[in-house]
Each structure stands twice: as C-alpha cells, then as structure tokens.
C-alpha atoms as a PDB file:
ATOM      1  CA  UNK A   1     -28.448 -16.807  -4.616  1.00  0.00           C
ATOM      2  CA  UNK A   2     -24.624 -17.330  -3.986  1.00  0.00           C
ATOM      3  CA  UNK A   3     -22.906 -14.351  -2.623  1.00  0.00           C
ATOM      4  CA  UNK A   4     -20.273 -12.705  -4.856  1.00  0.00           C
ATOM      5  CA  UNK A   5     -17.397 -10.450  -4.081  1.00  0.00           C
ATOM      6  CA  UNK A   6     -17.795  -6.928  -5.373  1.00  0.00           C
ATOM      7  CA  UNK A   7     -14.214  -7.007  -7.095  1.00  0.00           C
ATOM      8  CA  UNK A   8     -12.349  -9.799  -8.910  1.00  0.00           C
ATOM      9  CA  UNK A   9      -8.914 -11.471  -8.308  1.00  0.00           C
ATOM     10  CA  UNK A  10      -6.739 -10.592 -11.679  1.00  0.00           C
ATOM     11  CA  UNK A  11      -4.024 -12.985 -12.299  1.00  0.00           C
ATOM     12  CA  UNK A  12      -0.892 -11.129 -13.444  1.00  0.00           C
ATOM     13  CA  UNK A  13       2.510 -12.037 -14.649  1.00  0.00           C
ATOM     14  CA  UNK A  14       4.659  -8.900 -15.441  1.00  0.00           C
ATOM     15  CA  UNK A  15       7.884  -9.012 -17.154  1.00  0.00           C
ATOM     16  CA  UNK A  16      10.430  -6.579 -15.610  1.00  0.00           C
ATOM     17  CA  UNK A  17      13.471  -7.183 -18.051  1.00  0.00           C
ATOM     18  CA  UNK A  18      13.136  -3.865 -19.850  1.00  0.00           C
ATOM     19  CA  UNK A  19      12.743  -1.491 -16.767  1.00  0.00           C
ATOM     20  CA  UNK A  20      15.446   1.184 -16.917  1.00  0.00           C
ATOM     21  CA  UNK A  21      17.695   1.992 -13.867  1.00  0.00           C
ATOM     22  CA  UNK A  22      15.839   5.382 -13.167  1.00  0.00           C
ATOM     23  CA  UNK A  23      12.422   4.374 -14.257  1.00  0.00           C
ATOM     24  CA  UNK A  24      10.534   7.214 -12.609  1.00  0.00           C
ATOM     25  CA  UNK A  25      11.016  10.504 -14.528  1.00  0.00           C
ATOM     26  CA  UNK A  26      14.632   9.439 -15.139  1.00  0.00           C
ATOM     27  CA  UNK A  27      15.335  10.730 -11.693  1.00  0.00           C
ATOM     28  CA  UNK A  28      17.356   9.053  -8.912  1.00  0.00           C
ATOM     29  CA  UNK A  29      15.206  10.080  -5.900  1.00  0.00           C
ATOM     30  CA  UNK A  30      11.829   9.412  -7.493  1.00  0.00           C
ATOM     31  CA  UNK A  31      12.946   5.932  -8.567  1.00  0.00           C
ATOM     32  CA  UNK A  32      14.478   5.523  -4.946  1.00  0.00           C
ATOM     33  CA  UNK A  33      10.731   6.489  -3.574  1.00  0.00           C
ATOM     34  CA  UNK A  34       8.968   3.912  -5.657  1.00  0.00           C
ATOM     35  CA  UNK A  35      11.479   1.228  -5.209  1.00  0.00           C
ATOM     36  CA  UNK A  36      11.283   1.721  -1.264  1.00  0.00           C
ATOM     37  CA  UNK A  37       7.466   1.685  -1.501  1.00  0.00           C
ATOM     38  CA  UNK A  38       7.941  -1.500  -3.627  1.00  0.00           C
ATOM     39  CA  UNK A  39      10.172  -3.064  -0.999  1.00  0.00           C
ATOM     40  CA  UNK A  40       7.456  -2.874   1.609  1.00  0.00           C
ATOM     41  CA  UNK A  41       4.754  -4.446  -0.109  1.00  0.00           C
ATOM     42  CA  UNK A  42       5.529  -8.175  -0.451  1.00  0.00           C
ATOM     43  CA  UNK A  43       5.871  -8.717   3.352  1.00  0.00           C
ATOM     44  CA  UNK A  44       3.203  -5.928   4.119  1.00  0.00           C
ATOM     45  CA  UNK A  45       0.754  -7.583   1.889  1.00  0.00           C
ATOM     46  CA  UNK A  46       1.404 -11.114   3.573  1.00  0.00           C
ATOM     47  CA  UNK A  47       0.944  -9.393   7.070  1.00  0.00           C
ATOM     48  CA  UNK A  48      -2.295  -7.928   5.796  1.00  0.00           C
ATOM     49  CA  UNK A  49      -3.577 -11.332   4.630  1.00  0.00           C
ATOM     50  CA  UNK A  50      -2.508 -13.369   7.593  1.00  0.00           C
ATOM     51  CA  UNK A  51      -4.077 -10.483  10.096  1.00  0.00           C
ATOM     52  CA  UNK A  52      -7.541 -10.914   8.206  1.00  0.00           C
ATOM     53  CA  UNK A  53      -7.192 -14.701   7.835  1.00  0.00           C
ATOM     54  CA  UNK A  54      -6.606 -14.820  11.537  1.00  0.00           C
ATOM     55  CA  UNK A  55     -10.114 -13.657  12.462  1.00  0.00           C
ATOM     56  CA  UNK A  56     -11.905 -14.950   9.498  1.00  0.00           C
ATOM     57  CA  UNK A  57     -13.699 -17.606  11.313  1.00  0.00           C
ATOM     58  CA  UNK A  58     -15.423 -14.993  13.466  1.00  0.00           C
ATOM     59  CA  UNK A  59     -17.271 -13.500  10.520  1.00  0.00           C
ATOM     60  CA  UNK A  60     -20.508 -15.120   9.645  1.00  0.00           C
ATOM     61  CA  UNK A  61     -21.763 -12.661   6.818  1.00  0.00           C
ATOM     62  CA  UNK A  62     -21.384 -14.581   3.694  1.00  0.00           C
ATOM     63  CA  UNK A  63     -21.017 -11.386   1.475  1.00  0.00           C
ATOM     64  CA  UNK A  64     -18.090 -10.198   3.630  1.00  0.00           C
ATOM     65  CA  UNK A  65     -16.598 -13.837   3.410  1.00  0.00           C
ATOM     66  CA  UNK A  66     -16.416 -13.370  -0.266  1.00  0.00           C
ATOM     67  CA  UNK A  67     -15.031 -10.088  -0.027  1.00  0.00           C
ATOM     68  CA  UNK A  68     -12.299 -11.570   2.373  1.00  0.00           C
ATOM     69  CA  UNK A  69     -11.390 -14.257  -0.324  1.00  0.00           C
ATOM     70  CA  UNK A  70     -11.039 -11.619  -3.056  1.00  0.00           C
ATOM     71  CA  UNK A  71      -9.165  -9.307  -0.708  1.00  0.00           C
ATOM     72  CA  UNK A  72      -6.639 -12.318  -0.046  1.00  0.00           C
ATOM     73  CA  UNK A  73      -6.329 -13.057  -3.638  1.00  0.00           C
ATOM     74  CA  UNK A  74      -5.564  -9.637  -4.867  1.00  0.00           C
ATOM     75  CA  UNK A  75      -3.085  -9.121  -1.850  1.00  0.00           C
ATOM     76  CA  UNK A  76      -1.227 -12.190  -2.741  1.00  0.00           C
ATOM     77  CA  UNK A  77      -0.991 -11.273  -6.275  1.00  0.00           C
ATOM     78  CA  UNK A  78       0.417  -7.831  -5.120  1.00  0.00           C
ATOM     79  CA  UNK A  79       3.018  -9.404  -2.925  1.00  0.00           C
ATOM     80  CA  UNK A  80       4.134 -11.875  -5.924  1.00  0.00           C
ATOM     81  CA  UNK A  81       4.466  -9.215  -8.522  1.00  0.00           C
ATOM     82  CA  UNK A  82       6.338  -6.732  -6.390  1.00  0.00           C
ATOM     83  CA  UNK A  83       8.621  -9.419  -5.180  1.00  0.00           C
ATOM     84  CA  UNK A  84       9.194 -10.244  -8.802  1.00  0.00           C
ATOM     85  CA  UNK A  85      10.212  -6.643  -9.632  1.00  0.00           C
ATOM     86  CA  UNK A  86      12.251  -6.280  -6.404  1.00  0.00           C
ATOM     87  CA  UNK A  87      14.328  -9.504  -7.116  1.00  0.00           C
ATOM     88  CA  UNK A  88      15.067  -8.027 -10.579  1.00  0.00           C
ATOM     89  CA  UNK A  89      16.071  -4.647  -9.300  1.00  0.00           C
ATOM     90  CA  UNK A  90      19.173  -6.035  -8.055  1.00  0.00           C
ATOM     91  CA  UNK A  91      20.440  -6.122 -11.640  1.00  0.00           C
ATOM     92  CA  UNK A  92      20.577  -2.197 -11.447  1.00  0.00           C
ATOM     93  CA  UNK A  93      22.506  -2.491  -8.103  1.00  0.00           C
ATOM     94  CA  UNK A  94      19.357  -1.901  -5.871  1.00  0.00           C
ATOM     95  CA  UNK A  95      19.168  -4.690  -3.212  1.00  0.00           C
ATOM     96  CA  UNK A  96      15.433  -4.018  -2.740  1.00  0.00           C
ATOM     97  CA  UNK A  97      14.860  -7.753  -1.543  1.00  0.00           C
ATOM     98  CA  UNK A  98      17.135  -6.857   1.311  1.00  0.00           C
ATOM     99  CA  UNK A  99      14.809  -4.106   2.324  1.00  0.00           C
ATOM    100  CA  UNK A 100      11.909  -6.519   2.069  1.00  0.00           C
ATOM    101  CA  UNK A 101      13.628  -8.023   5.007  1.00  0.00           C
ATOM    102  CA  UNK A 102      14.016  -5.035   6.755  1.00  0.00           C
ATOM    103  CA  UNK A 103      10.278  -4.452   6.308  1.00  0.00           C
ATOM    104  CA  UNK A 104       9.604  -7.655   7.937  1.00  0.00           C
ATOM    105  CA  UNK A 105      11.690  -6.407  10.917  1.00  0.00           C
ATOM    106  CA  UNK A 106       9.641  -2.996  11.058  1.00  0.00           C
ATOM    107  CA  UNK A 107       6.431  -5.228  11.175  1.00  0.00           C
ATOM    108  CA  UNK A 108       7.797  -7.313  13.874  1.00  0.00           C
ATOM    109  CA  UNK A 109       7.515  -4.445  16.380  1.00  0.00           C
ATOM    110  CA  UNK A 110       3.802  -5.060  16.092  1.00  0.00           C
ATOM    111  CA  UNK A 111       4.353  -8.683  17.259  1.00  0.00           C
ATOM    112  CA  UNK A 112       6.177  -7.512  20.630  1.00  0.00           C
ATOM    113  CA  UNK A 113       4.226  -9.008  23.438  1.00  0.00           C
ATOM    114  CA  UNK A 114       2.205  -5.753  24.152  1.00  0.00           C
ATOM    115  CA  UNK A 115       0.921  -5.696  20.558  1.00  0.00           C
ATOM    116  CA  UNK A 116       0.819  -9.434  19.755  1.00  0.00           C
ATOM    117  CA  UNK A 117      -2.762 -10.168  19.517  1.00  0.00           C
ATOM    118  CA  UNK A 118      -5.137 -10.679  16.610  1.00  0.00           C
ATOM    119  CA  UNK A 119      -7.103  -7.460  17.358  1.00  0.00           C
ATOM    120  CA  UNK A 120      -3.901  -5.272  17.109  1.00  0.00           C
ATOM    121  CA  UNK A 121      -2.517  -7.152  13.977  1.00  0.00           C
ATOM    122  CA  UNK A 122      -5.924  -6.445  12.406  1.00  0.00           C
ATOM    123  CA  UNK A 123      -5.968  -2.764  13.453  1.00  0.00           C
ATOM    124  CA  UNK A 124      -2.575  -2.320  11.993  1.00  0.00           C
ATOM    125  CA  UNK A 125      -3.725  -3.741   8.960  1.00  0.00           C
ATOM    126  CA  UNK A 126      -6.842  -1.419   8.787  1.00  0.00           C
ATOM    127  CA  UNK A 127      -4.486   1.356   9.440  1.00  0.00           C
ATOM    128  CA  UNK A 128      -2.156   0.644   6.779  1.00  0.00           C
ATOM    129  CA  UNK A 129      -4.836  -0.211   4.343  1.00  0.00           C
ATOM    130  CA  UNK A 130      -6.249   3.390   4.779  1.00  0.00           C
ATOM    131  CA  UNK A 131      -2.800   4.837   4.211  1.00  0.00           C
ATOM    132  CA  UNK A 132      -2.338   2.555   1.133  1.00  0.00           C
ATOM    133  CA  UNK A 133      -5.801   3.448  -0.385  1.00  0.00           C
ATOM    134  CA  UNK A 134      -5.584   7.070   0.035  1.00  0.00           C
ATOM    135  CA  UNK A 135      -1.978   7.155  -1.347  1.00  0.00           C
ATOM    136  CA  UNK A 136      -3.198   4.865  -4.205  1.00  0.00           C
ATOM    137  CA  UNK A 137      -6.178   6.891  -5.116  1.00  0.00           C
ATOM    138  CA  UNK A 138      -3.918  10.045  -5.197  1.00  0.00           C
ATOM    139  CA  UNK A 139      -1.426   8.576  -7.587  1.00  0.00           C
ATOM    140  CA  UNK A 140      -4.348   7.688  -9.951  1.00  0.00           C
ATOM    141  CA  UNK A 141      -5.359  11.205  -9.782  1.00  0.00           C
ATOM    142  CA  UNK A 142      -1.781  12.622 -10.204  1.00  0.00           C
ATOM    143  CA  UNK A 143      -1.096  11.689 -13.748  1.00  0.00           C
ATOM    144  CA  UNK A 144       1.693  14.282 -13.701  1.00  0.00           C
ATOM    145  CA  UNK A 145       3.609  11.586 -11.500  1.00  0.00           C
ATOM    146  CA  UNK A 146       2.017   8.310 -12.815  1.00  0.00           C
ATOM    147  CA  UNK A 147       2.542   9.154 -16.368  1.00  0.00           C
ATOM    148  CA  UNK A 148       6.528   9.573 -15.551  1.00  0.00           C
ATOM    149  CA  UNK A 149       6.804   5.936 -14.738  1.00  0.00           C
ATOM    150  CA  UNK A 150       8.285   3.596 -17.463  1.00  0.00           C
ATOM    151  CA  UNK A 151       5.499   1.771 -19.332  1.00  0.00           C
ATOM    152  CA  UNK A 152       5.783  -1.535 -17.689  1.00  0.00           C
ATOM    153  CA  UNK A 153       6.158   0.043 -14.179  1.00  0.00           C
ATOM    154  CA  UNK A 154       3.146   2.290 -15.021  1.00  0.00           C
ATOM    155  CA  UNK A 155       1.104  -0.872 -15.814  1.00  0.00           C
ATOM    156  CA  UNK A 156       2.137  -2.456 -12.356  1.00  0.00           C
ATOM    157  CA  UNK A 157       1.448   0.435 -10.353  1.00  0.00           C
ATOM    158  CA  UNK A 158      -1.819   1.469 -11.833  1.00  0.00           C
ATOM    159  CA  UNK A 159      -3.111  -2.091 -11.626  1.00  0.00           C
ATOM    160  CA  UNK A 160      -2.068  -2.062  -7.948  1.00  0.00           C
ATOM    161  CA  UNK A 161      -3.569   1.249  -7.245  1.00  0.00           C
ATOM    162  CA  UNK A 162      -7.041   0.184  -8.666  1.00  0.00           C
ATOM    163  CA  UNK A 163      -7.089  -2.989  -6.591  1.00  0.00           C
ATOM    164  CA  UNK A 164      -6.109  -1.180  -3.463  1.00  0.00           C
ATOM    165  CA  UNK A 165      -9.122   1.085  -3.907  1.00  0.00           C
ATOM    166  CA  UNK A 166     -11.405  -1.879  -4.762  1.00  0.00           C
ATOM    167  CA  UNK A 167     -10.810  -3.769  -1.532  1.00  0.00           C
ATOM    168  CA  UNK A 168     -10.072  -0.586   0.705  1.00  0.00           C
ATOM    169  CA  UNK A 169     -12.743  -1.272   3.126  1.00  0.00           C
ATOM    170  CA  UNK A 170     -12.595  -5.233   3.668  1.00  0.00           C
ATOM    171  CA  UNK A 171      -9.995  -5.261   6.586  1.00  0.00           C
ATOM    172  CA  UNK A 172     -12.043  -2.209   8.056  1.00  0.00           C
ATOM    173  CA  UNK A 173     -15.327  -4.110   7.861  1.00  0.00           C
ATOM    174  CA  UNK A 174     -13.844  -7.214   9.181  1.00  0.00           C
ATOM    175  CA  UNK A 175     -12.512  -5.203  12.329  1.00  0.00           C
ATOM    176  CA  UNK A 176     -15.973  -3.528  12.841  1.00  0.00           C
ATOM    177  CA  UNK A 177     -17.736  -6.885  12.505  1.00  0.00           C
ATOM    178  CA  UNK A 178     -15.432  -8.883  14.873  1.00  0.00           C
ATOM    179  CA  UNK A 179     -14.536  -6.092  17.390  1.00  0.00           C
ATOM    180  CA  UNK A 180     -16.997  -3.506  16.960  1.00  0.00           C
ATOM    181  CA  UNK A 181     -16.689   0.182  17.540  1.00  0.00           C
ATOM    182  CA  UNK A 182     -16.714   0.496  21.319  1.00  0.00           C
ATOM    183  CA  UNK A 183     -14.846   3.343  22.699  1.00  0.00           C
ATOM    184  CA  UNK A 184     -12.105   1.189  23.572  1.00  0.00           C
ATOM    185  CA  UNK A 185     -11.772  -0.628  20.321  1.00  0.00           C
ATOM    186  CA  UNK A 186     -11.941   2.802  18.550  1.00  0.00           C
ATOM    187  CA  UNK A 187      -9.243   4.231  20.849  1.00  0.00           C
ATOM    188  CA  UNK A 188      -6.977   1.285  20.206  1.00  0.00           C
ATOM    189  CA  UNK A 189      -7.619   1.524  16.445  1.00  0.00           C
ATOM    190  CA  UNK A 190      -6.399   5.233  16.500  1.00  0.00           C
ATOM    191  CA  UNK A 191      -3.374   4.263  18.664  1.00  0.00           C
ATOM    192  CA  UNK A 192      -2.230   1.742  16.399  1.00  0.00           C
ATOM    193  CA  UNK A 193      -2.750   4.109  13.448  1.00  0.00           C
ATOM    194  CA  UNK A 194      -0.307   6.501  15.090  1.00  0.00           C
ATOM    195  CA  UNK A 195       2.342   3.907  15.836  1.00  0.00           C
ATOM    196  CA  UNK A 196       1.876   2.289  12.231  1.00  0.00           C
ATOM    197  CA  UNK A 197       2.200   5.719  10.588  1.00  0.00           C
ATOM    198  CA  UNK A 198       5.515   6.739  12.395  1.00  0.00           C
ATOM    199  CA  UNK A 199       6.990   3.319  11.593  1.00  0.00           C
ATOM    200  CA  UNK A 200       6.162   3.281   7.930  1.00  0.00           C
ATOM    201  CA  UNK A 201       7.110   6.783   7.257  1.00  0.00           C
ATOM    202  CA  UNK A 202      10.200   6.494   9.286  1.00  0.00           C
ATOM    203  CA  UNK A 203      11.236   3.170   7.485  1.00  0.00           C
ATOM    204  CA  UNK A 204      10.405   4.714   4.165  1.00  0.00           C
ATOM    205  CA  UNK A 205      12.973   7.610   4.261  1.00  0.00           C
ATOM    206  CA  UNK A 206      15.491   5.142   5.694  1.00  0.00           C
ATOM    207  CA  UNK A 207      14.910   2.978   2.788  1.00  0.00           C
ATOM    208  CA  UNK A 208      15.213   5.812   0.267  1.00  0.00           C
ATOM    209  CA  UNK A 209      18.413   6.949   1.806  1.00  0.00           C
ATOM    210  CA  UNK A 210      19.862   3.406   1.605  1.00  0.00           C
ATOM    211  CA  UNK A 211      18.785   3.100  -2.047  1.00  0.00           C
ATOM    212  CA  UNK A 212      20.240   6.452  -3.157  1.00  0.00           C
ATOM    213  CA  UNK A 213      23.468   5.538  -1.456  1.00  0.00           C
ATOM    214  CA  UNK A 214      23.554   2.227  -3.394  1.00  0.00           C
ATOM    215  CA  UNK A 215      22.865   4.464  -6.725  1.00  0.00           C
ATOM    216  CA  UNK A 216      25.801   6.820  -5.768  1.00  0.00           C
ATOM    217  CA  UNK A 217      23.321   9.468  -5.480  1.00  0.00           C
ATOM    218  CA  UNK A 218      23.286  10.071  -1.765  1.00  0.00           C
ATOM    219  CA  UNK A 219      24.821  13.746  -2.215  1.00  0.00           C
ATOM    220  CA  UNK A 220      22.602  14.682  -5.185  1.00  0.00           C
ATOM    221  CA  UNK A 221      21.051  17.389  -3.488  1.00  0.00           C
ATOM    222  CA  UNK A 222      19.111  18.460  -6.588  1.00  0.00           C
ATOM    223  CA  UNK A 223      17.393  15.215  -6.897  1.00  0.00           C
ATOM    224  CA  UNK A 224      16.673  14.980  -3.230  1.00  0.00           C
ATOM    225  CA  UNK A 225      15.285  18.628  -3.157  1.00  0.00           C
ATOM    226  CA  UNK A 226      13.050  18.114  -6.167  1.00  0.00           C
ATOM    227  CA  UNK A 227      11.870  14.832  -4.966  1.00  0.00           C
ATOM    228  CA  UNK A 228      10.979  15.816  -1.549  1.00  0.00           C
ATOM    229  CA  UNK A 229       9.208  18.906  -2.877  1.00  0.00           C
ATOM    230  CA  UNK A 230       7.057  16.682  -5.062  1.00  0.00           C
ATOM    231  CA  UNK A 231       5.974  14.551  -2.193  1.00  0.00           C
ATOM    232  CA  UNK A 232       6.010  16.958   0.855  1.00  0.00           C
ATOM    233  CA  UNK A 233       6.015  20.520  -0.804  1.00  0.00           C
ATOM    234  CA  UNK A 234       2.844  22.463  -1.235  1.00  0.00           C
ATOM    235  CA  UNK A 235       0.527  20.479  -3.354  1.00  0.00           C
ATOM    236  CA  UNK A 236       2.950  17.548  -2.959  1.00  0.00           C
ATOM    237  CA  UNK A 237       1.616  13.914  -3.228  1.00  0.00           C
ATOM    238  CA  UNK A 238       2.000  13.148   0.246  1.00  0.00           C
ATOM    239  CA  UNK A 239       0.955  16.659   1.565  1.00  0.00           C
ATOM    240  CA  UNK A 240      -2.462  16.224  -0.329  1.00  0.00           C
ATOM    241  CA  UNK A 241      -3.067  13.020   1.532  1.00  0.00           C
ATOM    242  CA  UNK A 242      -3.213  14.729   4.974  1.00  0.00           C
ATOM    243  CA  UNK A 243      -6.851  15.660   5.050  1.00  0.00           C
ATOM    244  CA  UNK A 244      -7.917  12.066   3.821  1.00  0.00           C
ATOM    245  CA  UNK A 245      -5.481  10.706   6.276  1.00  0.00           C
ATOM    246  CA  UNK A 246      -7.065  12.552   9.142  1.00  0.00           C
ATOM    247  CA  UNK A 247     -10.479  11.601   8.269  1.00  0.00           C
ATOM    248  CA  UNK A 248      -9.564   8.217   9.657  1.00  0.00           C
ATOM    249  CA  UNK A 249      -9.714   9.610  13.243  1.00  0.00           C
ATOM    250  CA  UNK A 250     -13.361  10.618  12.910  1.00  0.00           C
ATOM    251  CA  UNK A 251     -15.446   8.320  15.157  1.00  0.00           C
ATOM    252  CA  UNK A 252     -17.945   7.510  12.413  1.00  0.00           C
ATOM    253  CA  UNK A 253     -15.427   7.237   9.398  1.00  0.00           C
ATOM    254  CA  UNK A 254     -15.618   4.368   6.783  1.00  0.00           C
ATOM    255  CA  UNK A 255     -13.209   4.136   3.946  1.00  0.00           C
ATOM    256  CA  UNK A 256     -15.991   4.605   1.385  1.00  0.00           C
ATOM    257  CA  UNK A 257     -16.654   7.945   2.661  1.00  0.00           C
ATOM    258  CA  UNK A 258     -13.926   8.742   0.075  1.00  0.00           C
ATOM    259  CA  UNK A 259     -15.842   7.786  -2.949  1.00  0.00           C
ATOM    260  CA  UNK A 260     -13.348   6.602  -5.710  1.00  0.00           C
ATOM    261  CA  UNK A 261     -15.896   4.836  -7.672  1.00  0.00           C
ATOM    262  CA  UNK A 262     -15.624   7.105 -10.796  1.00  0.00           C
ATOM    263  CA  UNK A 263     -11.927   7.188 -10.479  1.00  0.00           C
ATOM    264  CA  UNK A 264     -11.771   3.493 -10.486  1.00  0.00           C
ATOM    265  CA  UNK A 265     -14.095   3.124 -13.424  1.00  0.00           C
ATOM    266  CA  UNK A 266     -12.061   5.599 -15.473  1.00  0.00           C
ATOM    267  CA  UNK A 267      -8.760   3.635 -14.796  1.00  0.00           C
ATOM    268  CA  UNK A 268     -10.164   0.252 -15.070  1.00  0.00           C
ATOM    269  CA  UNK A 269     -11.392   1.284 -18.610  1.00  0.00           C
ATOM    270  CA  UNK A 270      -8.018   2.817 -19.665  1.00  0.00           C
ATOM    271  CA  UNK A 271      -6.055  -0.250 -18.301  1.00  0.00           C
ATOM    272  CA  UNK A 272      -8.406  -2.985 -19.536  1.00  0.00           C
ATOM    273  CA  UNK A 273      -9.037  -4.144 -15.934  1.00  0.00           C
ATOM    274  CA  UNK A 274     -12.782  -4.482 -16.443  1.00  0.00           C
ATOM    275  CA  UNK A 275     -14.292  -8.087 -15.642  1.00  0.00           C
END
C-alpha cells in the first residue's frame, strides 16, 4: 500500500480587494498586530520549507516522506496567500511587503557562521513551528478575537490556523529522525528556541510600531492599551500560550501532546476544509 500523508494540500486563491483598512475589530492596534504577523509569514514559511527540504534525503521513512511533501505544499501555499495580502495592504498605506524584507533580515541572523548549518536551521524551524502551532490553536479557540476579523481575512486566518495544526509535528519528527534526542541535540534545540523567541517577539513589536506610525496611530494610547491587554494581559491571547510554549522545554515533549484533533475537526467542518 502506498504511504499517504495524514493531511492534504489545499489550493487557495483568496481575493483581498474588499478588505477594510482596520480589518480586525475596526481597531488600529489589532490590525497592526495581525498585519505584522502576516508580514513574517512569506519568508518565514519559505525558511521552514528550505530547512526541512535540506535534510529530506536523510529521511528513509516513507510515511514521514509523504508528510514532508504535504508540509512543503501547505507552507508554500501559506507564503503565497499572505504575500498576496501583504502586497495589497499598501493600498491602505501599509508597506507590509517592506516588513517581509525585514523578516528576511531577522532570519539572516540564524545564517551567521556560528548558526549556519542544517541542524540549526531545522531546530529554528521546529521552534517557530511550535510557536506558530500553539498560537494558531489559541486563535481557533478564541472566537472573541477570530470573529472580529473581516470575513475574507477570517477565512484566510482560520484556514492557515487549521493547517498549522495539521502539520505541527512534521519538522519536529524530521529533527528527531535525523538528529535524534541526545542530550546535545536536545540542549541545542532549547538554545535555538530561546534565541528564536527573542528575535521573533522583538521583531513583531517593532513591526507593530512601524505599522501604527504608517497609520498615523502611533500616539493612539487607547488602541495600544486595549490591544496590548488583549494579547499580554490576564487571559490575553499571548499570555495563554505560556504554559503550552513552556512544554516545549520538557525532554520528552512532542507537539501532539497538545491534542487539537477535536478543535481541528470542528473548524474544518465549519470552514468547509474537509477533504
């Protein structure tokens, strides 16, 4: 029997010509947050694909090979669709494509000589896939936030969140298969996670400030305060991620220890993503 991937590659071609300027809750900060995240995806997803593809020949498991193919297909589609949105955002005065280039510069830090090897690039991918996976799962749970997105953007983000959770263990499984879980490989994976987290969170908030300035909202303290509370306050979207994020540092951790299968089934049915 031919091995099959456990998730499909869904071809998408979203239209973004009816997206309003402040498409998240009609709020400048919330929109800037999601625009900043979107700016990171095209080059980030391509980095993930290149990192996994770079060690693919070392994987002999036919099932994992199929998972890798589906992972590459999904991530390539995410990069394509978010770049299409980012390119259109300039119509509202937001140079999100420029921030894509800034993301490439942030990722270039991982290409410095001390880090520039296949193991480190894959470890960075595993780390950022964990961050993306738990963030996506939480957005699927937080309908108080996801339902404030404008309809077309809600469709884009919920599709992306579902697929991030479908393939959340692929890079991790490839790392374990290729490099194993020796103490040295585990410690390096943890070190890379700390570095990657600092880089991404730092860049994210710089990007938000840049977008708020472009929007003429840099001094809108009410929007800043409300948005930061929604993400970092008690019960905030990022604050809620902390326990699942920290699980990554447990020696025996696996991404599917966070069982999101029921959550995925719910949203695949609601968004027509089955099959």
